[in-house]
Amino acid sequence: MNKILSTLGLCMRSGNLSSGDFAVSEAVRKKNACLVIVAMDASENTKKKFRNLCNHYQVPLYFWCDREQLGHAVGKDFRASIAVTDQGFSNAVRKQLDKESIMEV
C-alpha cells in the first residue's frame, strides 16, 4: 500500500495526476487518463458515475483505500477520485494494485 501511495505522490509532483471529480471527469473525457482510482468510501453516486464514464471511454478503474489516504498521497485533504495521466506511472500503479489483489472494475 505504501508503494502505491508513494508512486501516486511522485505522479502528483511530476504533474501527471488529476484529482477531484471535475478534473478526473475531464481527463477521462479528453482521453488523457490512463488509470482512474476511486476511494472505497466515496458516495455510491460517485462510484456509479466513474464506473459508467470509465466503461464508456475504456479507462481502467480501481476502487481502493479511503478518501483520506488518497488525498494524503497527493498532498490534499480528501480526494474521492484521481486520474493518472502518464502511461508509465499508470503501469507502475496497476502492477502494485494487482499485487495487492485489488480488483479492477
PDB file of N, CA and C in Angstrom:
ATOM      1  N   MET A   1       0.828  -1.192   0.000  1.00  0.00           N
ATOM      2  CA  MET A   1       0.000   0.000   0.000  1.00  0.00           C
ATOM      3  C   MET A   1       0.873   1.258   0.000  1.00  0.00           C
ATOM      4  N   ASN A   2       1.958   1.241   0.794  1.00  0.00           N
ATOM      5  CA  ASN A   2       2.837   2.410   0.845  1.00  0.00           C
ATOM      6  C   ASN A   2       3.504   2.682  -0.490  1.00  0.00           C
ATOM      7  N   LYS A   3       3.843   1.628  -1.240  1.00  0.00           N
ATOM      8  CA  LYS A   3       4.457   1.828  -2.560  1.00  0.00           C
ATOM      9  C   LYS A   3       3.486   2.526  -3.503  1.00  0.00           C
ATOM     10  N   ILE A   4       2.237   2.147  -3.431  1.00  0.00           N
ATOM     11  CA  ILE A   4       1.224   2.758  -4.300  1.00  0.00           C
ATOM     12  C   ILE A   4       1.072   4.230  -3.935  1.00  0.00           C
ATOM     13  N   LEU A   5       0.948   4.510  -2.640  1.00  0.00           N
ATOM     14  CA  LEU A   5       0.797   5.894  -2.196  1.00  0.00           C
ATOM     15  C   LEU A   5       2.009   6.728  -2.573  1.00  0.00           C
ATOM     16  N   SER A   6       3.209   6.165  -2.442  1.00  0.00           N
ATOM     17  CA  SER A   6       4.430   6.883  -2.822  1.00  0.00           C
ATOM     18  C   SER A   6       4.462   7.163  -4.317  1.00  0.00           C
ATOM     19  N   THR A   7       4.082   6.169  -5.105  1.00  0.00           N
ATOM     20  CA  THR A   7       4.062   6.344  -6.560  1.00  0.00           C
ATOM     21  C   THR A   7       3.057   7.418  -6.957  1.00  0.00           C
ATOM     22  N   LEU A   8       1.901   7.424  -6.296  1.00  0.00           N
ATOM     23  CA  LEU A   8       0.895   8.452  -6.590  1.00  0.00           C
ATOM     24  C   LEU A   8       1.407   9.838  -6.208  1.00  0.00           C
ATOM     25  N   GLY A   9       2.149   9.930  -5.113  1.00  0.00           N
ATOM     26  CA  GLY A   9       2.744  11.206  -4.712  1.00  0.00           C
ATOM     27  C   GLY A   9       3.746  11.706  -5.739  1.00  0.00           C
ATOM     28  N   LEU A  10       4.594  10.807  -6.230  1.00  0.00           N
ATOM     29  CA  LEU A  10       5.553  11.172  -7.286  1.00  0.00           C
ATOM     30  C   LEU A  10       4.821  11.624  -8.540  1.00  0.00           C
ATOM     31  N   CYS A  11       3.778  10.924  -8.857  1.00  0.00           N
ATOM     32  CA  CYS A  11       2.973  11.238 -10.032  1.00  0.00           C
ATOM     33  C   CYS A  11       2.380  12.643  -9.912  1.00  0.00           C
ATOM     34  N   MET A  12       1.891  12.983  -8.733  1.00  0.00           N
ATOM     35  CA  MET A  12       1.318  14.310  -8.497  1.00  0.00           C
ATOM     36  C   MET A  12       2.384  15.386  -8.633  1.00  0.00           C
ATOM     37  N   ARG A  13       3.545  15.147  -8.035  1.00  0.00           N
ATOM     38  CA  ARG A  13       4.620  16.145  -8.086  1.00  0.00           C
ATOM     39  C   ARG A  13       5.153  16.352  -9.498  1.00  0.00           C
ATOM     40  N   SER A  14       5.059  15.319 -10.318  1.00  0.00           N
ATOM     41  CA  SER A  14       5.542  15.454 -11.696  1.00  0.00           C
ATOM     42  C   SER A  14       4.475  16.039 -12.627  1.00  0.00           C
ATOM     43  N   GLY A  15       3.283  16.280 -12.102  1.00  0.00           N
ATOM     44  CA  GLY A  15       2.225  16.885 -12.915  1.00  0.00           C
ATOM     45  C   GLY A  15       1.473  15.899 -13.784  1.00  0.00           C
ATOM     46  N   ASN A  16       1.531  14.616 -13.437  1.00  0.00           N
ATOM     47  CA  ASN A  16       0.865  13.589 -14.234  1.00  0.00           C
ATOM     48  C   ASN A  16      -0.339  12.985 -13.524  1.00  0.00           C
ATOM     49  N   LEU A  17      -1.024  13.795 -12.733  1.00  0.00           N
ATOM     50  CA  LEU A  17      -2.164  13.297 -11.987  1.00  0.00           C
ATOM     51  C   LEU A  17      -3.222  14.385 -11.873  1.00  0.00           C
ATOM     52  N   SER A  18      -4.463  14.007 -12.052  1.00  0.00           N
ATOM     53  CA  SER A  18      -5.592  14.914 -11.836  1.00  0.00           C
ATOM     54  C   SER A  18      -6.352  14.405 -10.622  1.00  0.00           C
ATOM     55  N   SER A  19      -6.842  15.326  -9.785  1.00  0.00           N
ATOM     56  CA  SER A  19      -7.594  14.891  -8.614  1.00  0.00           C
ATOM     57  C   SER A  19      -8.856  15.726  -8.470  1.00  0.00           C
ATOM     58  N   GLY A  20      -9.873  15.116  -7.896  1.00  0.00           N
ATOM     59  CA  GLY A  20     -11.168  15.761  -7.751  1.00  0.00           C
ATOM     60  C   GLY A  20     -12.103  15.331  -8.865  1.00  0.00           C
ATOM     61  N   ASP A  21     -13.386  15.295  -8.558  1.00  0.00           N
ATOM     62  CA  ASP A  21     -14.377  14.776  -9.502  1.00  0.00           C
ATOM     63  C   ASP A  21     -14.347  15.459 -10.863  1.00  0.00           C
ATOM     64  N   PHE A  22     -14.362  16.789 -10.866  1.00  0.00           N
ATOM     65  CA  PHE A  22     -14.428  17.508 -12.141  1.00  0.00           C
ATOM     66  C   PHE A  22     -13.173  17.280 -12.976  1.00  0.00           C
ATOM     67  N   ALA A  23     -12.003  17.428 -12.355  1.00  0.00           N
ATOM     68  CA  ALA A  23     -10.735  17.277 -13.086  1.00  0.00           C
ATOM     69  C   ALA A  23     -10.567  15.857 -13.615  1.00  0.00           C
ATOM     70  N   VAL A  24     -10.961  14.871 -12.828  1.00  0.00           N
ATOM     71  CA  VAL A  24     -10.847  13.474 -13.265  1.00  0.00           C
ATOM     72  C   VAL A  24     -11.812  13.198 -14.407  1.00  0.00           C
ATOM     73  N   SER A  25     -13.036  13.691 -14.298  1.00  0.00           N
ATOM     74  CA  SER A  25     -14.017  13.516 -15.377  1.00  0.00           C
ATOM     75  C   SER A  25     -13.512  14.121 -16.676  1.00  0.00           C
ATOM     76  N   GLU A  26     -12.941  15.319 -16.591  1.00  0.00           N
ATOM     77  CA  GLU A  26     -12.399  15.982 -17.779  1.00  0.00           C
ATOM     78  C   GLU A  26     -11.229  15.198 -18.370  1.00  0.00           C
ATOM     79  N   ALA A  27     -10.353  14.671 -17.516  1.00  0.00           N
ATOM     80  CA  ALA A  27      -9.216  13.894 -18.005  1.00  0.00           C
ATOM     81  C   ALA A  27      -9.690  12.647 -18.743  1.00  0.00           C
ATOM     82  N   VAL A  28     -10.733  12.013 -18.239  1.00  0.00           N
ATOM     83  CA  VAL A  28     -11.275  10.821 -18.905  1.00  0.00           C
ATOM     84  C   VAL A  28     -11.917  11.211 -20.235  1.00  0.00           C
ATOM     85  N   ARG A  29     -12.732  12.259 -20.221  1.00  0.00           N
ATOM     86  CA  ARG A  29     -13.425  12.681 -21.449  1.00  0.00           C
ATOM     87  C   ARG A  29     -12.455  13.128 -22.535  1.00  0.00           C
ATOM     88  N   LYS A  30     -11.369  13.769 -22.138  1.00  0.00           N
ATOM     89  CA  LYS A  30     -10.371  14.240 -23.111  1.00  0.00           C
ATOM     90  C   LYS A  30      -9.364  13.152 -23.475  1.00  0.00           C
ATOM     91  N   LYS A  31      -9.592  11.952 -22.945  1.00  0.00           N
ATOM     92  CA  LYS A  31      -8.749  10.780 -23.215  1.00  0.00           C
ATOM     93  C   LYS A  31      -7.308  10.985 -22.759  1.00  0.00           C
ATOM     94  N   ASN A  32      -7.134  11.731 -21.658  1.00  0.00           N
ATOM     95  CA  ASN A  32      -5.820  11.916 -21.057  1.00  0.00           C
ATOM     96  C   ASN A  32      -5.560  10.918 -19.937  1.00  0.00           C
ATOM     97  N   ALA A  33      -6.612  10.357 -19.383  1.00  0.00           N
ATOM     98  CA  ALA A  33      -6.487   9.460 -18.234  1.00  0.00           C
ATOM     99  C   ALA A  33      -6.072   8.062 -18.684  1.00  0.00           C
ATOM    100  N   CYS A  34      -5.052   7.526 -18.011  1.00  0.00           N
ATOM    101  CA  CYS A  34      -4.597   6.153 -18.272  1.00  0.00           C
ATOM    102  C   CYS A  34      -5.115   5.208 -17.200  1.00  0.00           C
ATOM    103  N   LEU A  35      -5.511   5.769 -16.063  1.00  0.00           N
ATOM    104  CA  LEU A  35      -5.972   4.979 -14.923  1.00  0.00           C
ATOM    105  C   LEU A  35      -6.782   5.886 -14.009  1.00  0.00           C
ATOM    106  N   VAL A  36      -7.888   5.381 -13.486  1.00  0.00           N
ATOM    107  CA  VAL A  36      -8.695   6.125 -12.523  1.00  0.00           C
ATOM    108  C   VAL A  36      -8.799   5.293 -11.252  1.00  0.00           C
ATOM    109  N   ILE A  37      -8.604   5.954 -10.116  1.00  0.00           N
ATOM    110  CA  ILE A  37      -8.782   5.312  -8.816  1.00  0.00           C
ATOM    111  C   ILE A  37      -9.831   6.104  -8.052  1.00  0.00           C
ATOM    112  N   VAL A  38     -10.841   5.389  -7.542  1.00  0.00           N
ATOM    113  CA  VAL A  38     -11.905   5.992  -6.753  1.00  0.00           C
ATOM    114  C   VAL A  38     -11.826   5.403  -5.353  1.00  0.00           C
ATOM    115  N   ALA A  39     -11.957   6.243  -4.345  1.00  0.00           N
ATOM    116  CA  ALA A  39     -11.892   5.791  -2.956  1.00  0.00           C
ATOM    117  C   ALA A  39     -13.053   4.851  -2.646  1.00  0.00           C
ATOM    118  N   MET A  40     -12.767   3.855  -1.802  1.00  0.00           N
ATOM    119  CA  MET A  40     -13.790   2.877  -1.425  1.00  0.00           C
ATOM    120  C   MET A  40     -14.936   3.533  -0.659  1.00  0.00           C
ATOM    121  N   ASP A  41     -14.646   4.609   0.078  1.00  0.00           N
ATOM    122  CA  ASP A  41     -15.690   5.256   0.870  1.00  0.00           C
ATOM    123  C   ASP A  41     -16.325   6.450   0.142  1.00  0.00           C
ATOM    124  N   ALA A  42     -16.126   6.524  -1.166  1.00  0.00           N
ATOM    125  CA  ALA A  42     -16.797   7.563  -1.961  1.00  0.00           C
ATOM    126  C   ALA A  42     -18.291   7.236  -2.023  1.00  0.00           C
ATOM    127  N   SER A  43     -19.092   8.223  -2.336  1.00  0.00           N
ATOM    128  CA  SER A  43     -20.540   8.001  -2.401  1.00  0.00           C
ATOM    129  C   SER A  43     -20.881   7.041  -3.544  1.00  0.00           C
ATOM    130  N   GLU A  44     -22.027   6.415  -3.418  1.00  0.00           N
ATOM    131  CA  GLU A  44     -22.471   5.480  -4.452  1.00  0.00           C
ATOM    132  C   GLU A  44     -22.664   6.203  -5.792  1.00  0.00           C
ATOM    133  N   ASN A  45     -23.116   7.460  -5.751  1.00  0.00           N
ATOM    134  CA  ASN A  45     -23.276   8.232  -6.986  1.00  0.00           C
ATOM    135  C   ASN A  45     -21.938   8.452  -7.676  1.00  0.00           C
ATOM    136  N   THR A  46     -20.910   8.758  -6.892  1.00  0.00           N
ATOM    137  CA  THR A  46     -19.567   8.965  -7.451  1.00  0.00           C
ATOM    138  C   THR A  46     -19.045   7.674  -8.062  1.00  0.00           C
ATOM    139  N   LYS A  47     -19.207   6.571  -7.353  1.00  0.00           N
ATOM    140  CA  LYS A  47     -18.748   5.275  -7.865  1.00  0.00           C
ATOM    141  C   LYS A  47     -19.454   4.926  -9.176  1.00  0.00           C
ATOM    142  N   LYS A  48     -20.777   5.127  -9.196  1.00  0.00           N
ATOM    143  CA  LYS A  48     -21.546   4.815 -10.401  1.00  0.00           C
ATOM    144  C   LYS A  48     -21.129   5.717 -11.560  1.00  0.00           C
ATOM    145  N   LYS A  49     -20.947   7.009 -11.269  1.00  0.00           N
ATOM    146  CA  LYS A  49     -20.539   7.972 -12.293  1.00  0.00           C
ATOM    147  C   LYS A  49     -19.232   7.541 -12.963  1.00  0.00           C
ATOM    148  N   PHE A  50     -18.231   7.204 -12.155  1.00  0.00           N
ATOM    149  CA  PHE A  50     -16.933   6.830 -12.725  1.00  0.00           C
ATOM    150  C   PHE A  50     -16.951   5.441 -13.345  1.00  0.00           C
ATOM    151  N   ARG A  51     -17.772   4.547 -12.809  1.00  0.00           N
ATOM    152  CA  ARG A  51     -17.896   3.221 -13.426  1.00  0.00           C
ATOM    153  C   ARG A  51     -18.444   3.366 -14.849  1.00  0.00           C
ATOM    154  N   ASN A  52     -19.485   4.171 -15.004  1.00  0.00           N
ATOM    155  CA  ASN A  52     -20.078   4.382 -16.332  1.00  0.00           C
ATOM    156  C   ASN A  52     -19.132   5.136 -17.257  1.00  0.00           C
ATOM    157  N   LEU A  53     -18.502   6.187 -16.746  1.00  0.00           N
ATOM    158  CA  LEU A  53     -17.594   7.006 -17.548  1.00  0.00           C
ATOM    159  C   LEU A  53     -16.391   6.190 -18.017  1.00  0.00           C
ATOM    160  N   CYS A  54     -15.787   5.435 -17.109  1.00  0.00           N
ATOM    161  CA  CYS A  54     -14.604   4.647 -17.465  1.00  0.00           C
ATOM    162  C   CYS A  54     -14.949   3.488 -18.395  1.00  0.00           C
ATOM    163  N   ASN A  55     -16.123   2.899 -18.214  1.00  0.00           N
ATOM    164  CA  ASN A  55     -16.553   1.849 -19.145  1.00  0.00           C
ATOM    165  C   ASN A  55     -16.731   2.424 -20.545  1.00  0.00           C
ATOM    166  N   HIS A  56     -17.337   3.593 -20.636  1.00  0.00           N
ATOM    167  CA  HIS A  56     -17.594   4.211 -21.929  1.00  0.00           C
ATOM    168  C   HIS A  56     -16.298   4.573 -22.650  1.00  0.00           C
ATOM    169  N   TYR A  57     -15.339   5.145 -21.920  1.00  0.00           N
ATOM    170  CA  TYR A  57     -14.082   5.580 -22.527  1.00  0.00           C
ATOM    171  C   TYR A  57     -12.973   4.527 -22.428  1.00  0.00           C
ATOM    172  N   GLN A  58     -13.302   3.366 -21.899  1.00  0.00           N
ATOM    173  CA  GLN A  58     -12.379   2.232 -21.780  1.00  0.00           C
ATOM    174  C   GLN A  58     -11.097   2.600 -21.030  1.00  0.00           C
ATOM    175  N   VAL A  59     -11.290   3.186 -19.850  1.00  0.00           N
ATOM    176  CA  VAL A  59     -10.182   3.547 -18.963  1.00  0.00           C
ATOM    177  C   VAL A  59     -10.222   2.593 -17.767  1.00  0.00           C
ATOM    178  N   PRO A  60      -9.084   1.988 -17.400  1.00  0.00           N
ATOM    179  CA  PRO A  60      -9.074   1.100 -16.233  1.00  0.00           C
ATOM    180  C   PRO A  60      -9.498   1.849 -14.968  1.00  0.00           C
ATOM    181  N   LEU A  61     -10.355   1.218 -14.173  1.00  0.00           N
ATOM    182  CA  LEU A  61     -10.896   1.825 -12.959  1.00  0.00           C
ATOM    183  C   LEU A  61     -10.672   0.885 -11.792  1.00  0.00           C
ATOM    184  N   TYR A  62     -10.161   1.423 -10.691  1.00  0.00           N
ATOM    185  CA  TYR A  62      -9.965   0.659  -9.465  1.00  0.00           C
ATOM    186  C   TYR A  62     -10.644   1.388  -8.320  1.00  0.00           C
ATOM    187  N   PHE A  63     -11.237   0.611  -7.410  1.00  0.00           N
ATOM    188  CA  PHE A  63     -11.752   1.148  -6.153  1.00  0.00           C
ATOM    189  C   PHE A  63     -10.752   0.726  -5.085  1.00  0.00           C
ATOM    190  N   TRP A  64     -10.147   1.729  -4.398  1.00  0.00           N
ATOM    191  CA  TRP A  64      -9.052   1.422  -3.485  1.00  0.00           C
ATOM    192  C   TRP A  64      -8.936   2.450  -2.382  1.00  0.00           C
ATOM    193  N   CYS A  65      -8.553   2.058  -1.221  1.00  0.00           N
ATOM    194  CA  CYS A  65      -8.323   2.831   0.004  1.00  0.00           C
ATOM    195  C   CYS A  65      -9.473   3.796   0.331  1.00  0.00           C
ATOM    196  N   ASP A  66      -9.239   4.742   1.215  1.00  0.00           N
ATOM    197  CA  ASP A  66     -10.293   5.694   1.556  1.00  0.00           C
ATOM    198  C   ASP A  66      -9.912   7.105   1.105  1.00  0.00           C
ATOM    199  N   ARG A  67     -10.857   8.012   1.227  1.00  0.00           N
ATOM    200  CA  ARG A  67     -10.659   9.380   0.727  1.00  0.00           C
ATOM    201  C   ARG A  67      -9.503  10.087   1.419  1.00  0.00           C
ATOM    202  N   GLU A  68      -9.339   9.842   2.718  1.00  0.00           N
ATOM    203  CA  GLU A  68      -8.269  10.497   3.461  1.00  0.00           C
ATOM    204  C   GLU A  68      -6.896  10.025   2.982  1.00  0.00           C
ATOM    205  N   GLN A  69      -6.716   8.716   2.810  1.00  0.00           N
ATOM    206  CA  GLN A  69      -5.436   8.180   2.342  1.00  0.00           C
ATOM    207  C   GLN A  69      -5.133   8.645   0.919  1.00  0.00           C
ATOM    208  N   LEU A  70      -6.142   8.637   0.086  1.00  0.00           N
ATOM    209  CA  LEU A  70      -5.964   9.057  -1.300  1.00  0.00           C
ATOM    210  C   LEU A  70      -5.564  10.531  -1.362  1.00  0.00           C
ATOM    211  N   GLY A  71      -6.225  11.357  -0.580  1.00  0.00           N
ATOM    212  CA  GLY A  71      -5.891  12.778  -0.531  1.00  0.00           C
ATOM    213  C   GLY A  71      -4.506  13.027   0.034  1.00  0.00           C
ATOM    214  N   HIS A  72      -4.163  12.315   1.100  1.00  0.00           N
ATOM    215  CA  HIS A  72      -2.849  12.478   1.728  1.00  0.00           C
ATOM    216  C   HIS A  72      -1.729  12.106   0.755  1.00  0.00           C
ATOM    217  N   ALA A  73      -1.937  11.077  -0.045  1.00  0.00           N
ATOM    218  CA  ALA A  73      -0.922  10.634  -1.005  1.00  0.00           C
ATOM    219  C   ALA A  73      -0.609  11.709  -2.038  1.00  0.00           C
ATOM    220  N   VAL A  74      -1.601  12.515  -2.391  1.00  0.00           N
ATOM    221  CA  VAL A  74      -1.396  13.535  -3.418  1.00  0.00           C
ATOM    222  C   VAL A  74      -1.276  14.943  -2.823  1.00  0.00           C
ATOM    223  N   GLY A  75      -1.119  15.023  -1.497  1.00  0.00           N
ATOM    224  CA  GLY A  75      -0.884  16.309  -0.856  1.00  0.00           C
ATOM    225  C   GLY A  75      -2.121  17.168  -0.683  1.00  0.00           C
ATOM    226  N   LYS A  76      -3.284  16.560  -0.617  1.00  0.00           N
ATOM    227  CA  LYS A  76      -4.542  17.289  -0.428  1.00  0.00           C
ATOM    228  C   LYS A  76      -5.221  16.756   0.827  1.00  0.00           C
ATOM    229  N   ASP A  77      -6.343  17.362   1.217  1.00  0.00           N
ATOM    230  CA  ASP A  77      -7.064  16.879   2.397  1.00  0.00           C
ATOM    231  C   ASP A  77      -7.771  15.563   2.111  1.00  0.00           C
ATOM    232  N   PHE A  78      -8.818  15.621   1.323  1.00  0.00           N
ATOM    233  CA  PHE A  78      -9.584  14.437   0.967  1.00  0.00           C
ATOM    234  C   PHE A  78      -9.769  14.415  -0.539  1.00  0.00           C
ATOM    235  N   ARG A  79      -9.663  13.257  -1.136  1.00  0.00           N
ATOM    236  CA  ARG A  79      -9.923  13.098  -2.563  1.00  0.00           C
ATOM    237  C   ARG A  79     -10.682  11.803  -2.775  1.00  0.00           C
ATOM    238  N   ALA A  80     -11.819  11.900  -3.453  1.00  0.00           N
ATOM    239  CA  ALA A  80     -12.619  10.713  -3.742  1.00  0.00           C
ATOM    240  C   ALA A  80     -12.168  10.052  -5.032  1.00  0.00           C
ATOM    241  N   SER A  81     -11.512  10.822  -5.908  1.00  0.00           N
ATOM    242  CA  SER A  81     -11.094  10.243  -7.192  1.00  0.00           C
ATOM    243  C   SER A  81      -9.812  10.916  -7.685  1.00  0.00           C
ATOM    244  N   ILE A  82      -8.999  10.094  -8.362  1.00  0.00           N
ATOM    245  CA  ILE A  82      -7.789  10.615  -9.009  1.00  0.00           C
ATOM    246  C   ILE A  82      -7.629   9.917 -10.356  1.00  0.00           C
ATOM    247  N   ALA A  83      -6.966  10.602 -11.276  1.00  0.00           N
ATOM    248  CA  ALA A  83      -6.674  10.025 -12.587  1.00  0.00           C
ATOM    249  C   ALA A  83      -5.186  10.178 -12.857  1.00  0.00           C
ATOM    250  N   VAL A  84      -4.543   9.081 -13.216  1.00  0.00           N
ATOM    251  CA  VAL A  84      -3.139   9.102 -13.607  1.00  0.00           C
ATOM    252  C   VAL A  84      -3.104   9.350 -15.110  1.00  0.00           C
ATOM    253  N   THR A  85      -2.340  10.366 -15.532  1.00  0.00           N
ATOM    254  CA  THR A  85      -2.336  10.761 -16.941  1.00  0.00           C
ATOM    255  C   THR A  85      -1.058  10.374 -17.672  1.00  0.00           C
ATOM    256  N   ASP A  86      -0.202   9.602 -17.045  1.00  0.00           N
ATOM    257  CA  ASP A  86       1.037   9.141 -17.666  1.00  0.00           C
ATOM    258  C   ASP A  86       1.023   7.620 -17.722  1.00  0.00           C
ATOM    259  N   GLN A  87       1.327   7.055 -18.886  1.00  0.00           N
ATOM    260  CA  GLN A  87       1.249   5.608 -19.071  1.00  0.00           C
ATOM    261  C   GLN A  87       2.255   4.863 -18.194  1.00  0.00           C
ATOM    262  N   GLY A  88       3.457   5.385 -18.034  1.00  0.00           N
ATOM    263  CA  GLY A  88       4.471   4.735 -17.206  1.00  0.00           C
ATOM    264  C   GLY A  88       4.053   4.651 -15.749  1.00  0.00           C
ATOM    265  N   PHE A  89       3.582   5.771 -15.200  1.00  0.00           N
ATOM    266  CA  PHE A  89       3.086   5.767 -13.827  1.00  0.00           C
ATOM    267  C   PHE A  89       1.868   4.856 -13.699  1.00  0.00           C
ATOM    268  N   SER A  90       1.008   4.897 -14.689  1.00  0.00           N
ATOM    269  CA  SER A  90      -0.186   4.054 -14.677  1.00  0.00           C
ATOM    270  C   SER A  90       0.188   2.579 -14.594  1.00  0.00           C
ATOM    271  N   ASN A  91       1.157   2.164 -15.404  1.00  0.00           N
ATOM    272  CA  ASN A  91       1.597   0.769 -15.388  1.00  0.00           C
ATOM    273  C   ASN A  91       2.170   0.388 -14.027  1.00  0.00           C
ATOM    274  N   ALA A  92       2.967   1.282 -13.435  1.00  0.00           N
ATOM    275  CA  ALA A  92       3.572   1.008 -12.127  1.00  0.00           C
ATOM    276  C   ALA A  92       2.505   0.868 -11.043  1.00  0.00           C
ATOM    277  N   VAL A  93       1.532   1.754 -11.047  1.00  0.00           N
ATOM    278  CA  VAL A  93       0.468   1.705 -10.040  1.00  0.00           C
ATOM    279  C   VAL A  93      -0.397   0.467 -10.234  1.00  0.00           C
ATOM    280  N   ARG A  94      -0.751   0.163 -11.474  1.00  0.00           N
ATOM    281  CA  ARG A  94      -1.582  -1.018 -11.743  1.00  0.00           C
ATOM    282  C   ARG A  94      -0.878  -2.300 -11.318  1.00  0.00           C
ATOM    283  N   LYS A  95       0.418  -2.350 -11.543  1.00  0.00           N
ATOM    284  CA  LYS A  95       1.195  -3.530 -11.148  1.00  0.00           C
ATOM    285  C   LYS A  95       1.114  -3.733  -9.635  1.00  0.00           C
ATOM    286  N   GLN A  96       1.263  -2.646  -8.877  1.00  0.00           N
ATOM    287  CA  GLN A  96       1.171  -2.729  -7.420  1.00  0.00           C
ATOM    288  C   GLN A  96      -0.244  -3.064  -6.953  1.00  0.00           C
ATOM    289  N   LEU A  97      -1.238  -2.458  -7.598  1.00  0.00           N
ATOM    290  CA  LEU A  97      -2.626  -2.753  -7.228  1.00  0.00           C
ATOM    291  C   LEU A  97      -2.948  -4.225  -7.485  1.00  0.00           C
ATOM    292  N   ASP A  98      -2.457  -4.754  -8.587  1.00  0.00           N
ATOM    293  CA  ASP A  98      -2.697  -6.160  -8.908  1.00  0.00           C
ATOM    294  C   ASP A  98      -1.990  -7.083  -7.913  1.00  0.00           C
ATOM    295  N   LYS A  99      -0.804  -6.669  -7.429  1.00  0.00           N
ATOM    296  CA  LYS A  99      -0.090  -7.446  -6.415  1.00  0.00           C
ATOM    297  C   LYS A  99      -0.883  -7.539  -5.122  1.00  0.00           C
ATOM    298  N   GLU A 100      -1.558  -6.452  -4.782  1.00  0.00           N
ATOM    299  CA  GLU A 100      -2.351  -6.420  -3.559  1.00  0.00           C
ATOM    300  C   GLU A 100      -3.725  -7.044  -3.744  1.00  0.00           C
ATOM    301  N   SER A 101      -3.970  -7.622  -4.886  1.00  0.00           N
ATOM    302  CA  SER A 101      -5.239  -8.289  -5.201  1.00  0.00           C
ATOM    303  C   SER A 101      -6.417  -7.324  -5.217  1.00  0.00           C
ATOM    304  N   ILE A 102      -6.161  -6.088  -5.584  1.00  0.00           N
ATOM    305  CA  ILE A 102      -7.246  -5.120  -5.739  1.00  0.00           C
ATOM    306  C   ILE A 102      -7.881  -5.394  -7.080  1.00  0.00           C
ATOM    307  N   MET A 103      -9.185  -5.544  -7.077  1.00  0.00           N
ATOM    308  CA  MET A 103      -9.862  -5.904  -8.317  1.00  0.00           C
ATOM    309  C   MET A 103     -10.151  -4.686  -9.173  1.00  0.00           C
ATOM    310  N   GLU A 104      -9.875  -4.848 -10.442  1.00  0.00           N
ATOM    311  CA  GLU A 104     -10.218  -3.817 -11.422  1.00  0.00           C
ATOM    312  C   GLU A 104     -11.699  -3.943 -11.705  1.00  0.00           C
ATOM    313  N   VAL A 105     -12.325  -2.816 -11.924  1.00  0.00           N
ATOM    314  CA  VAL A 105     -13.758  -2.836 -12.209  1.00  0.00           C
ATOM    315  C   VAL A 105     -13.989  -2.626 -13.678  1.00  0.00           C
TER     316      VAL A 105
END
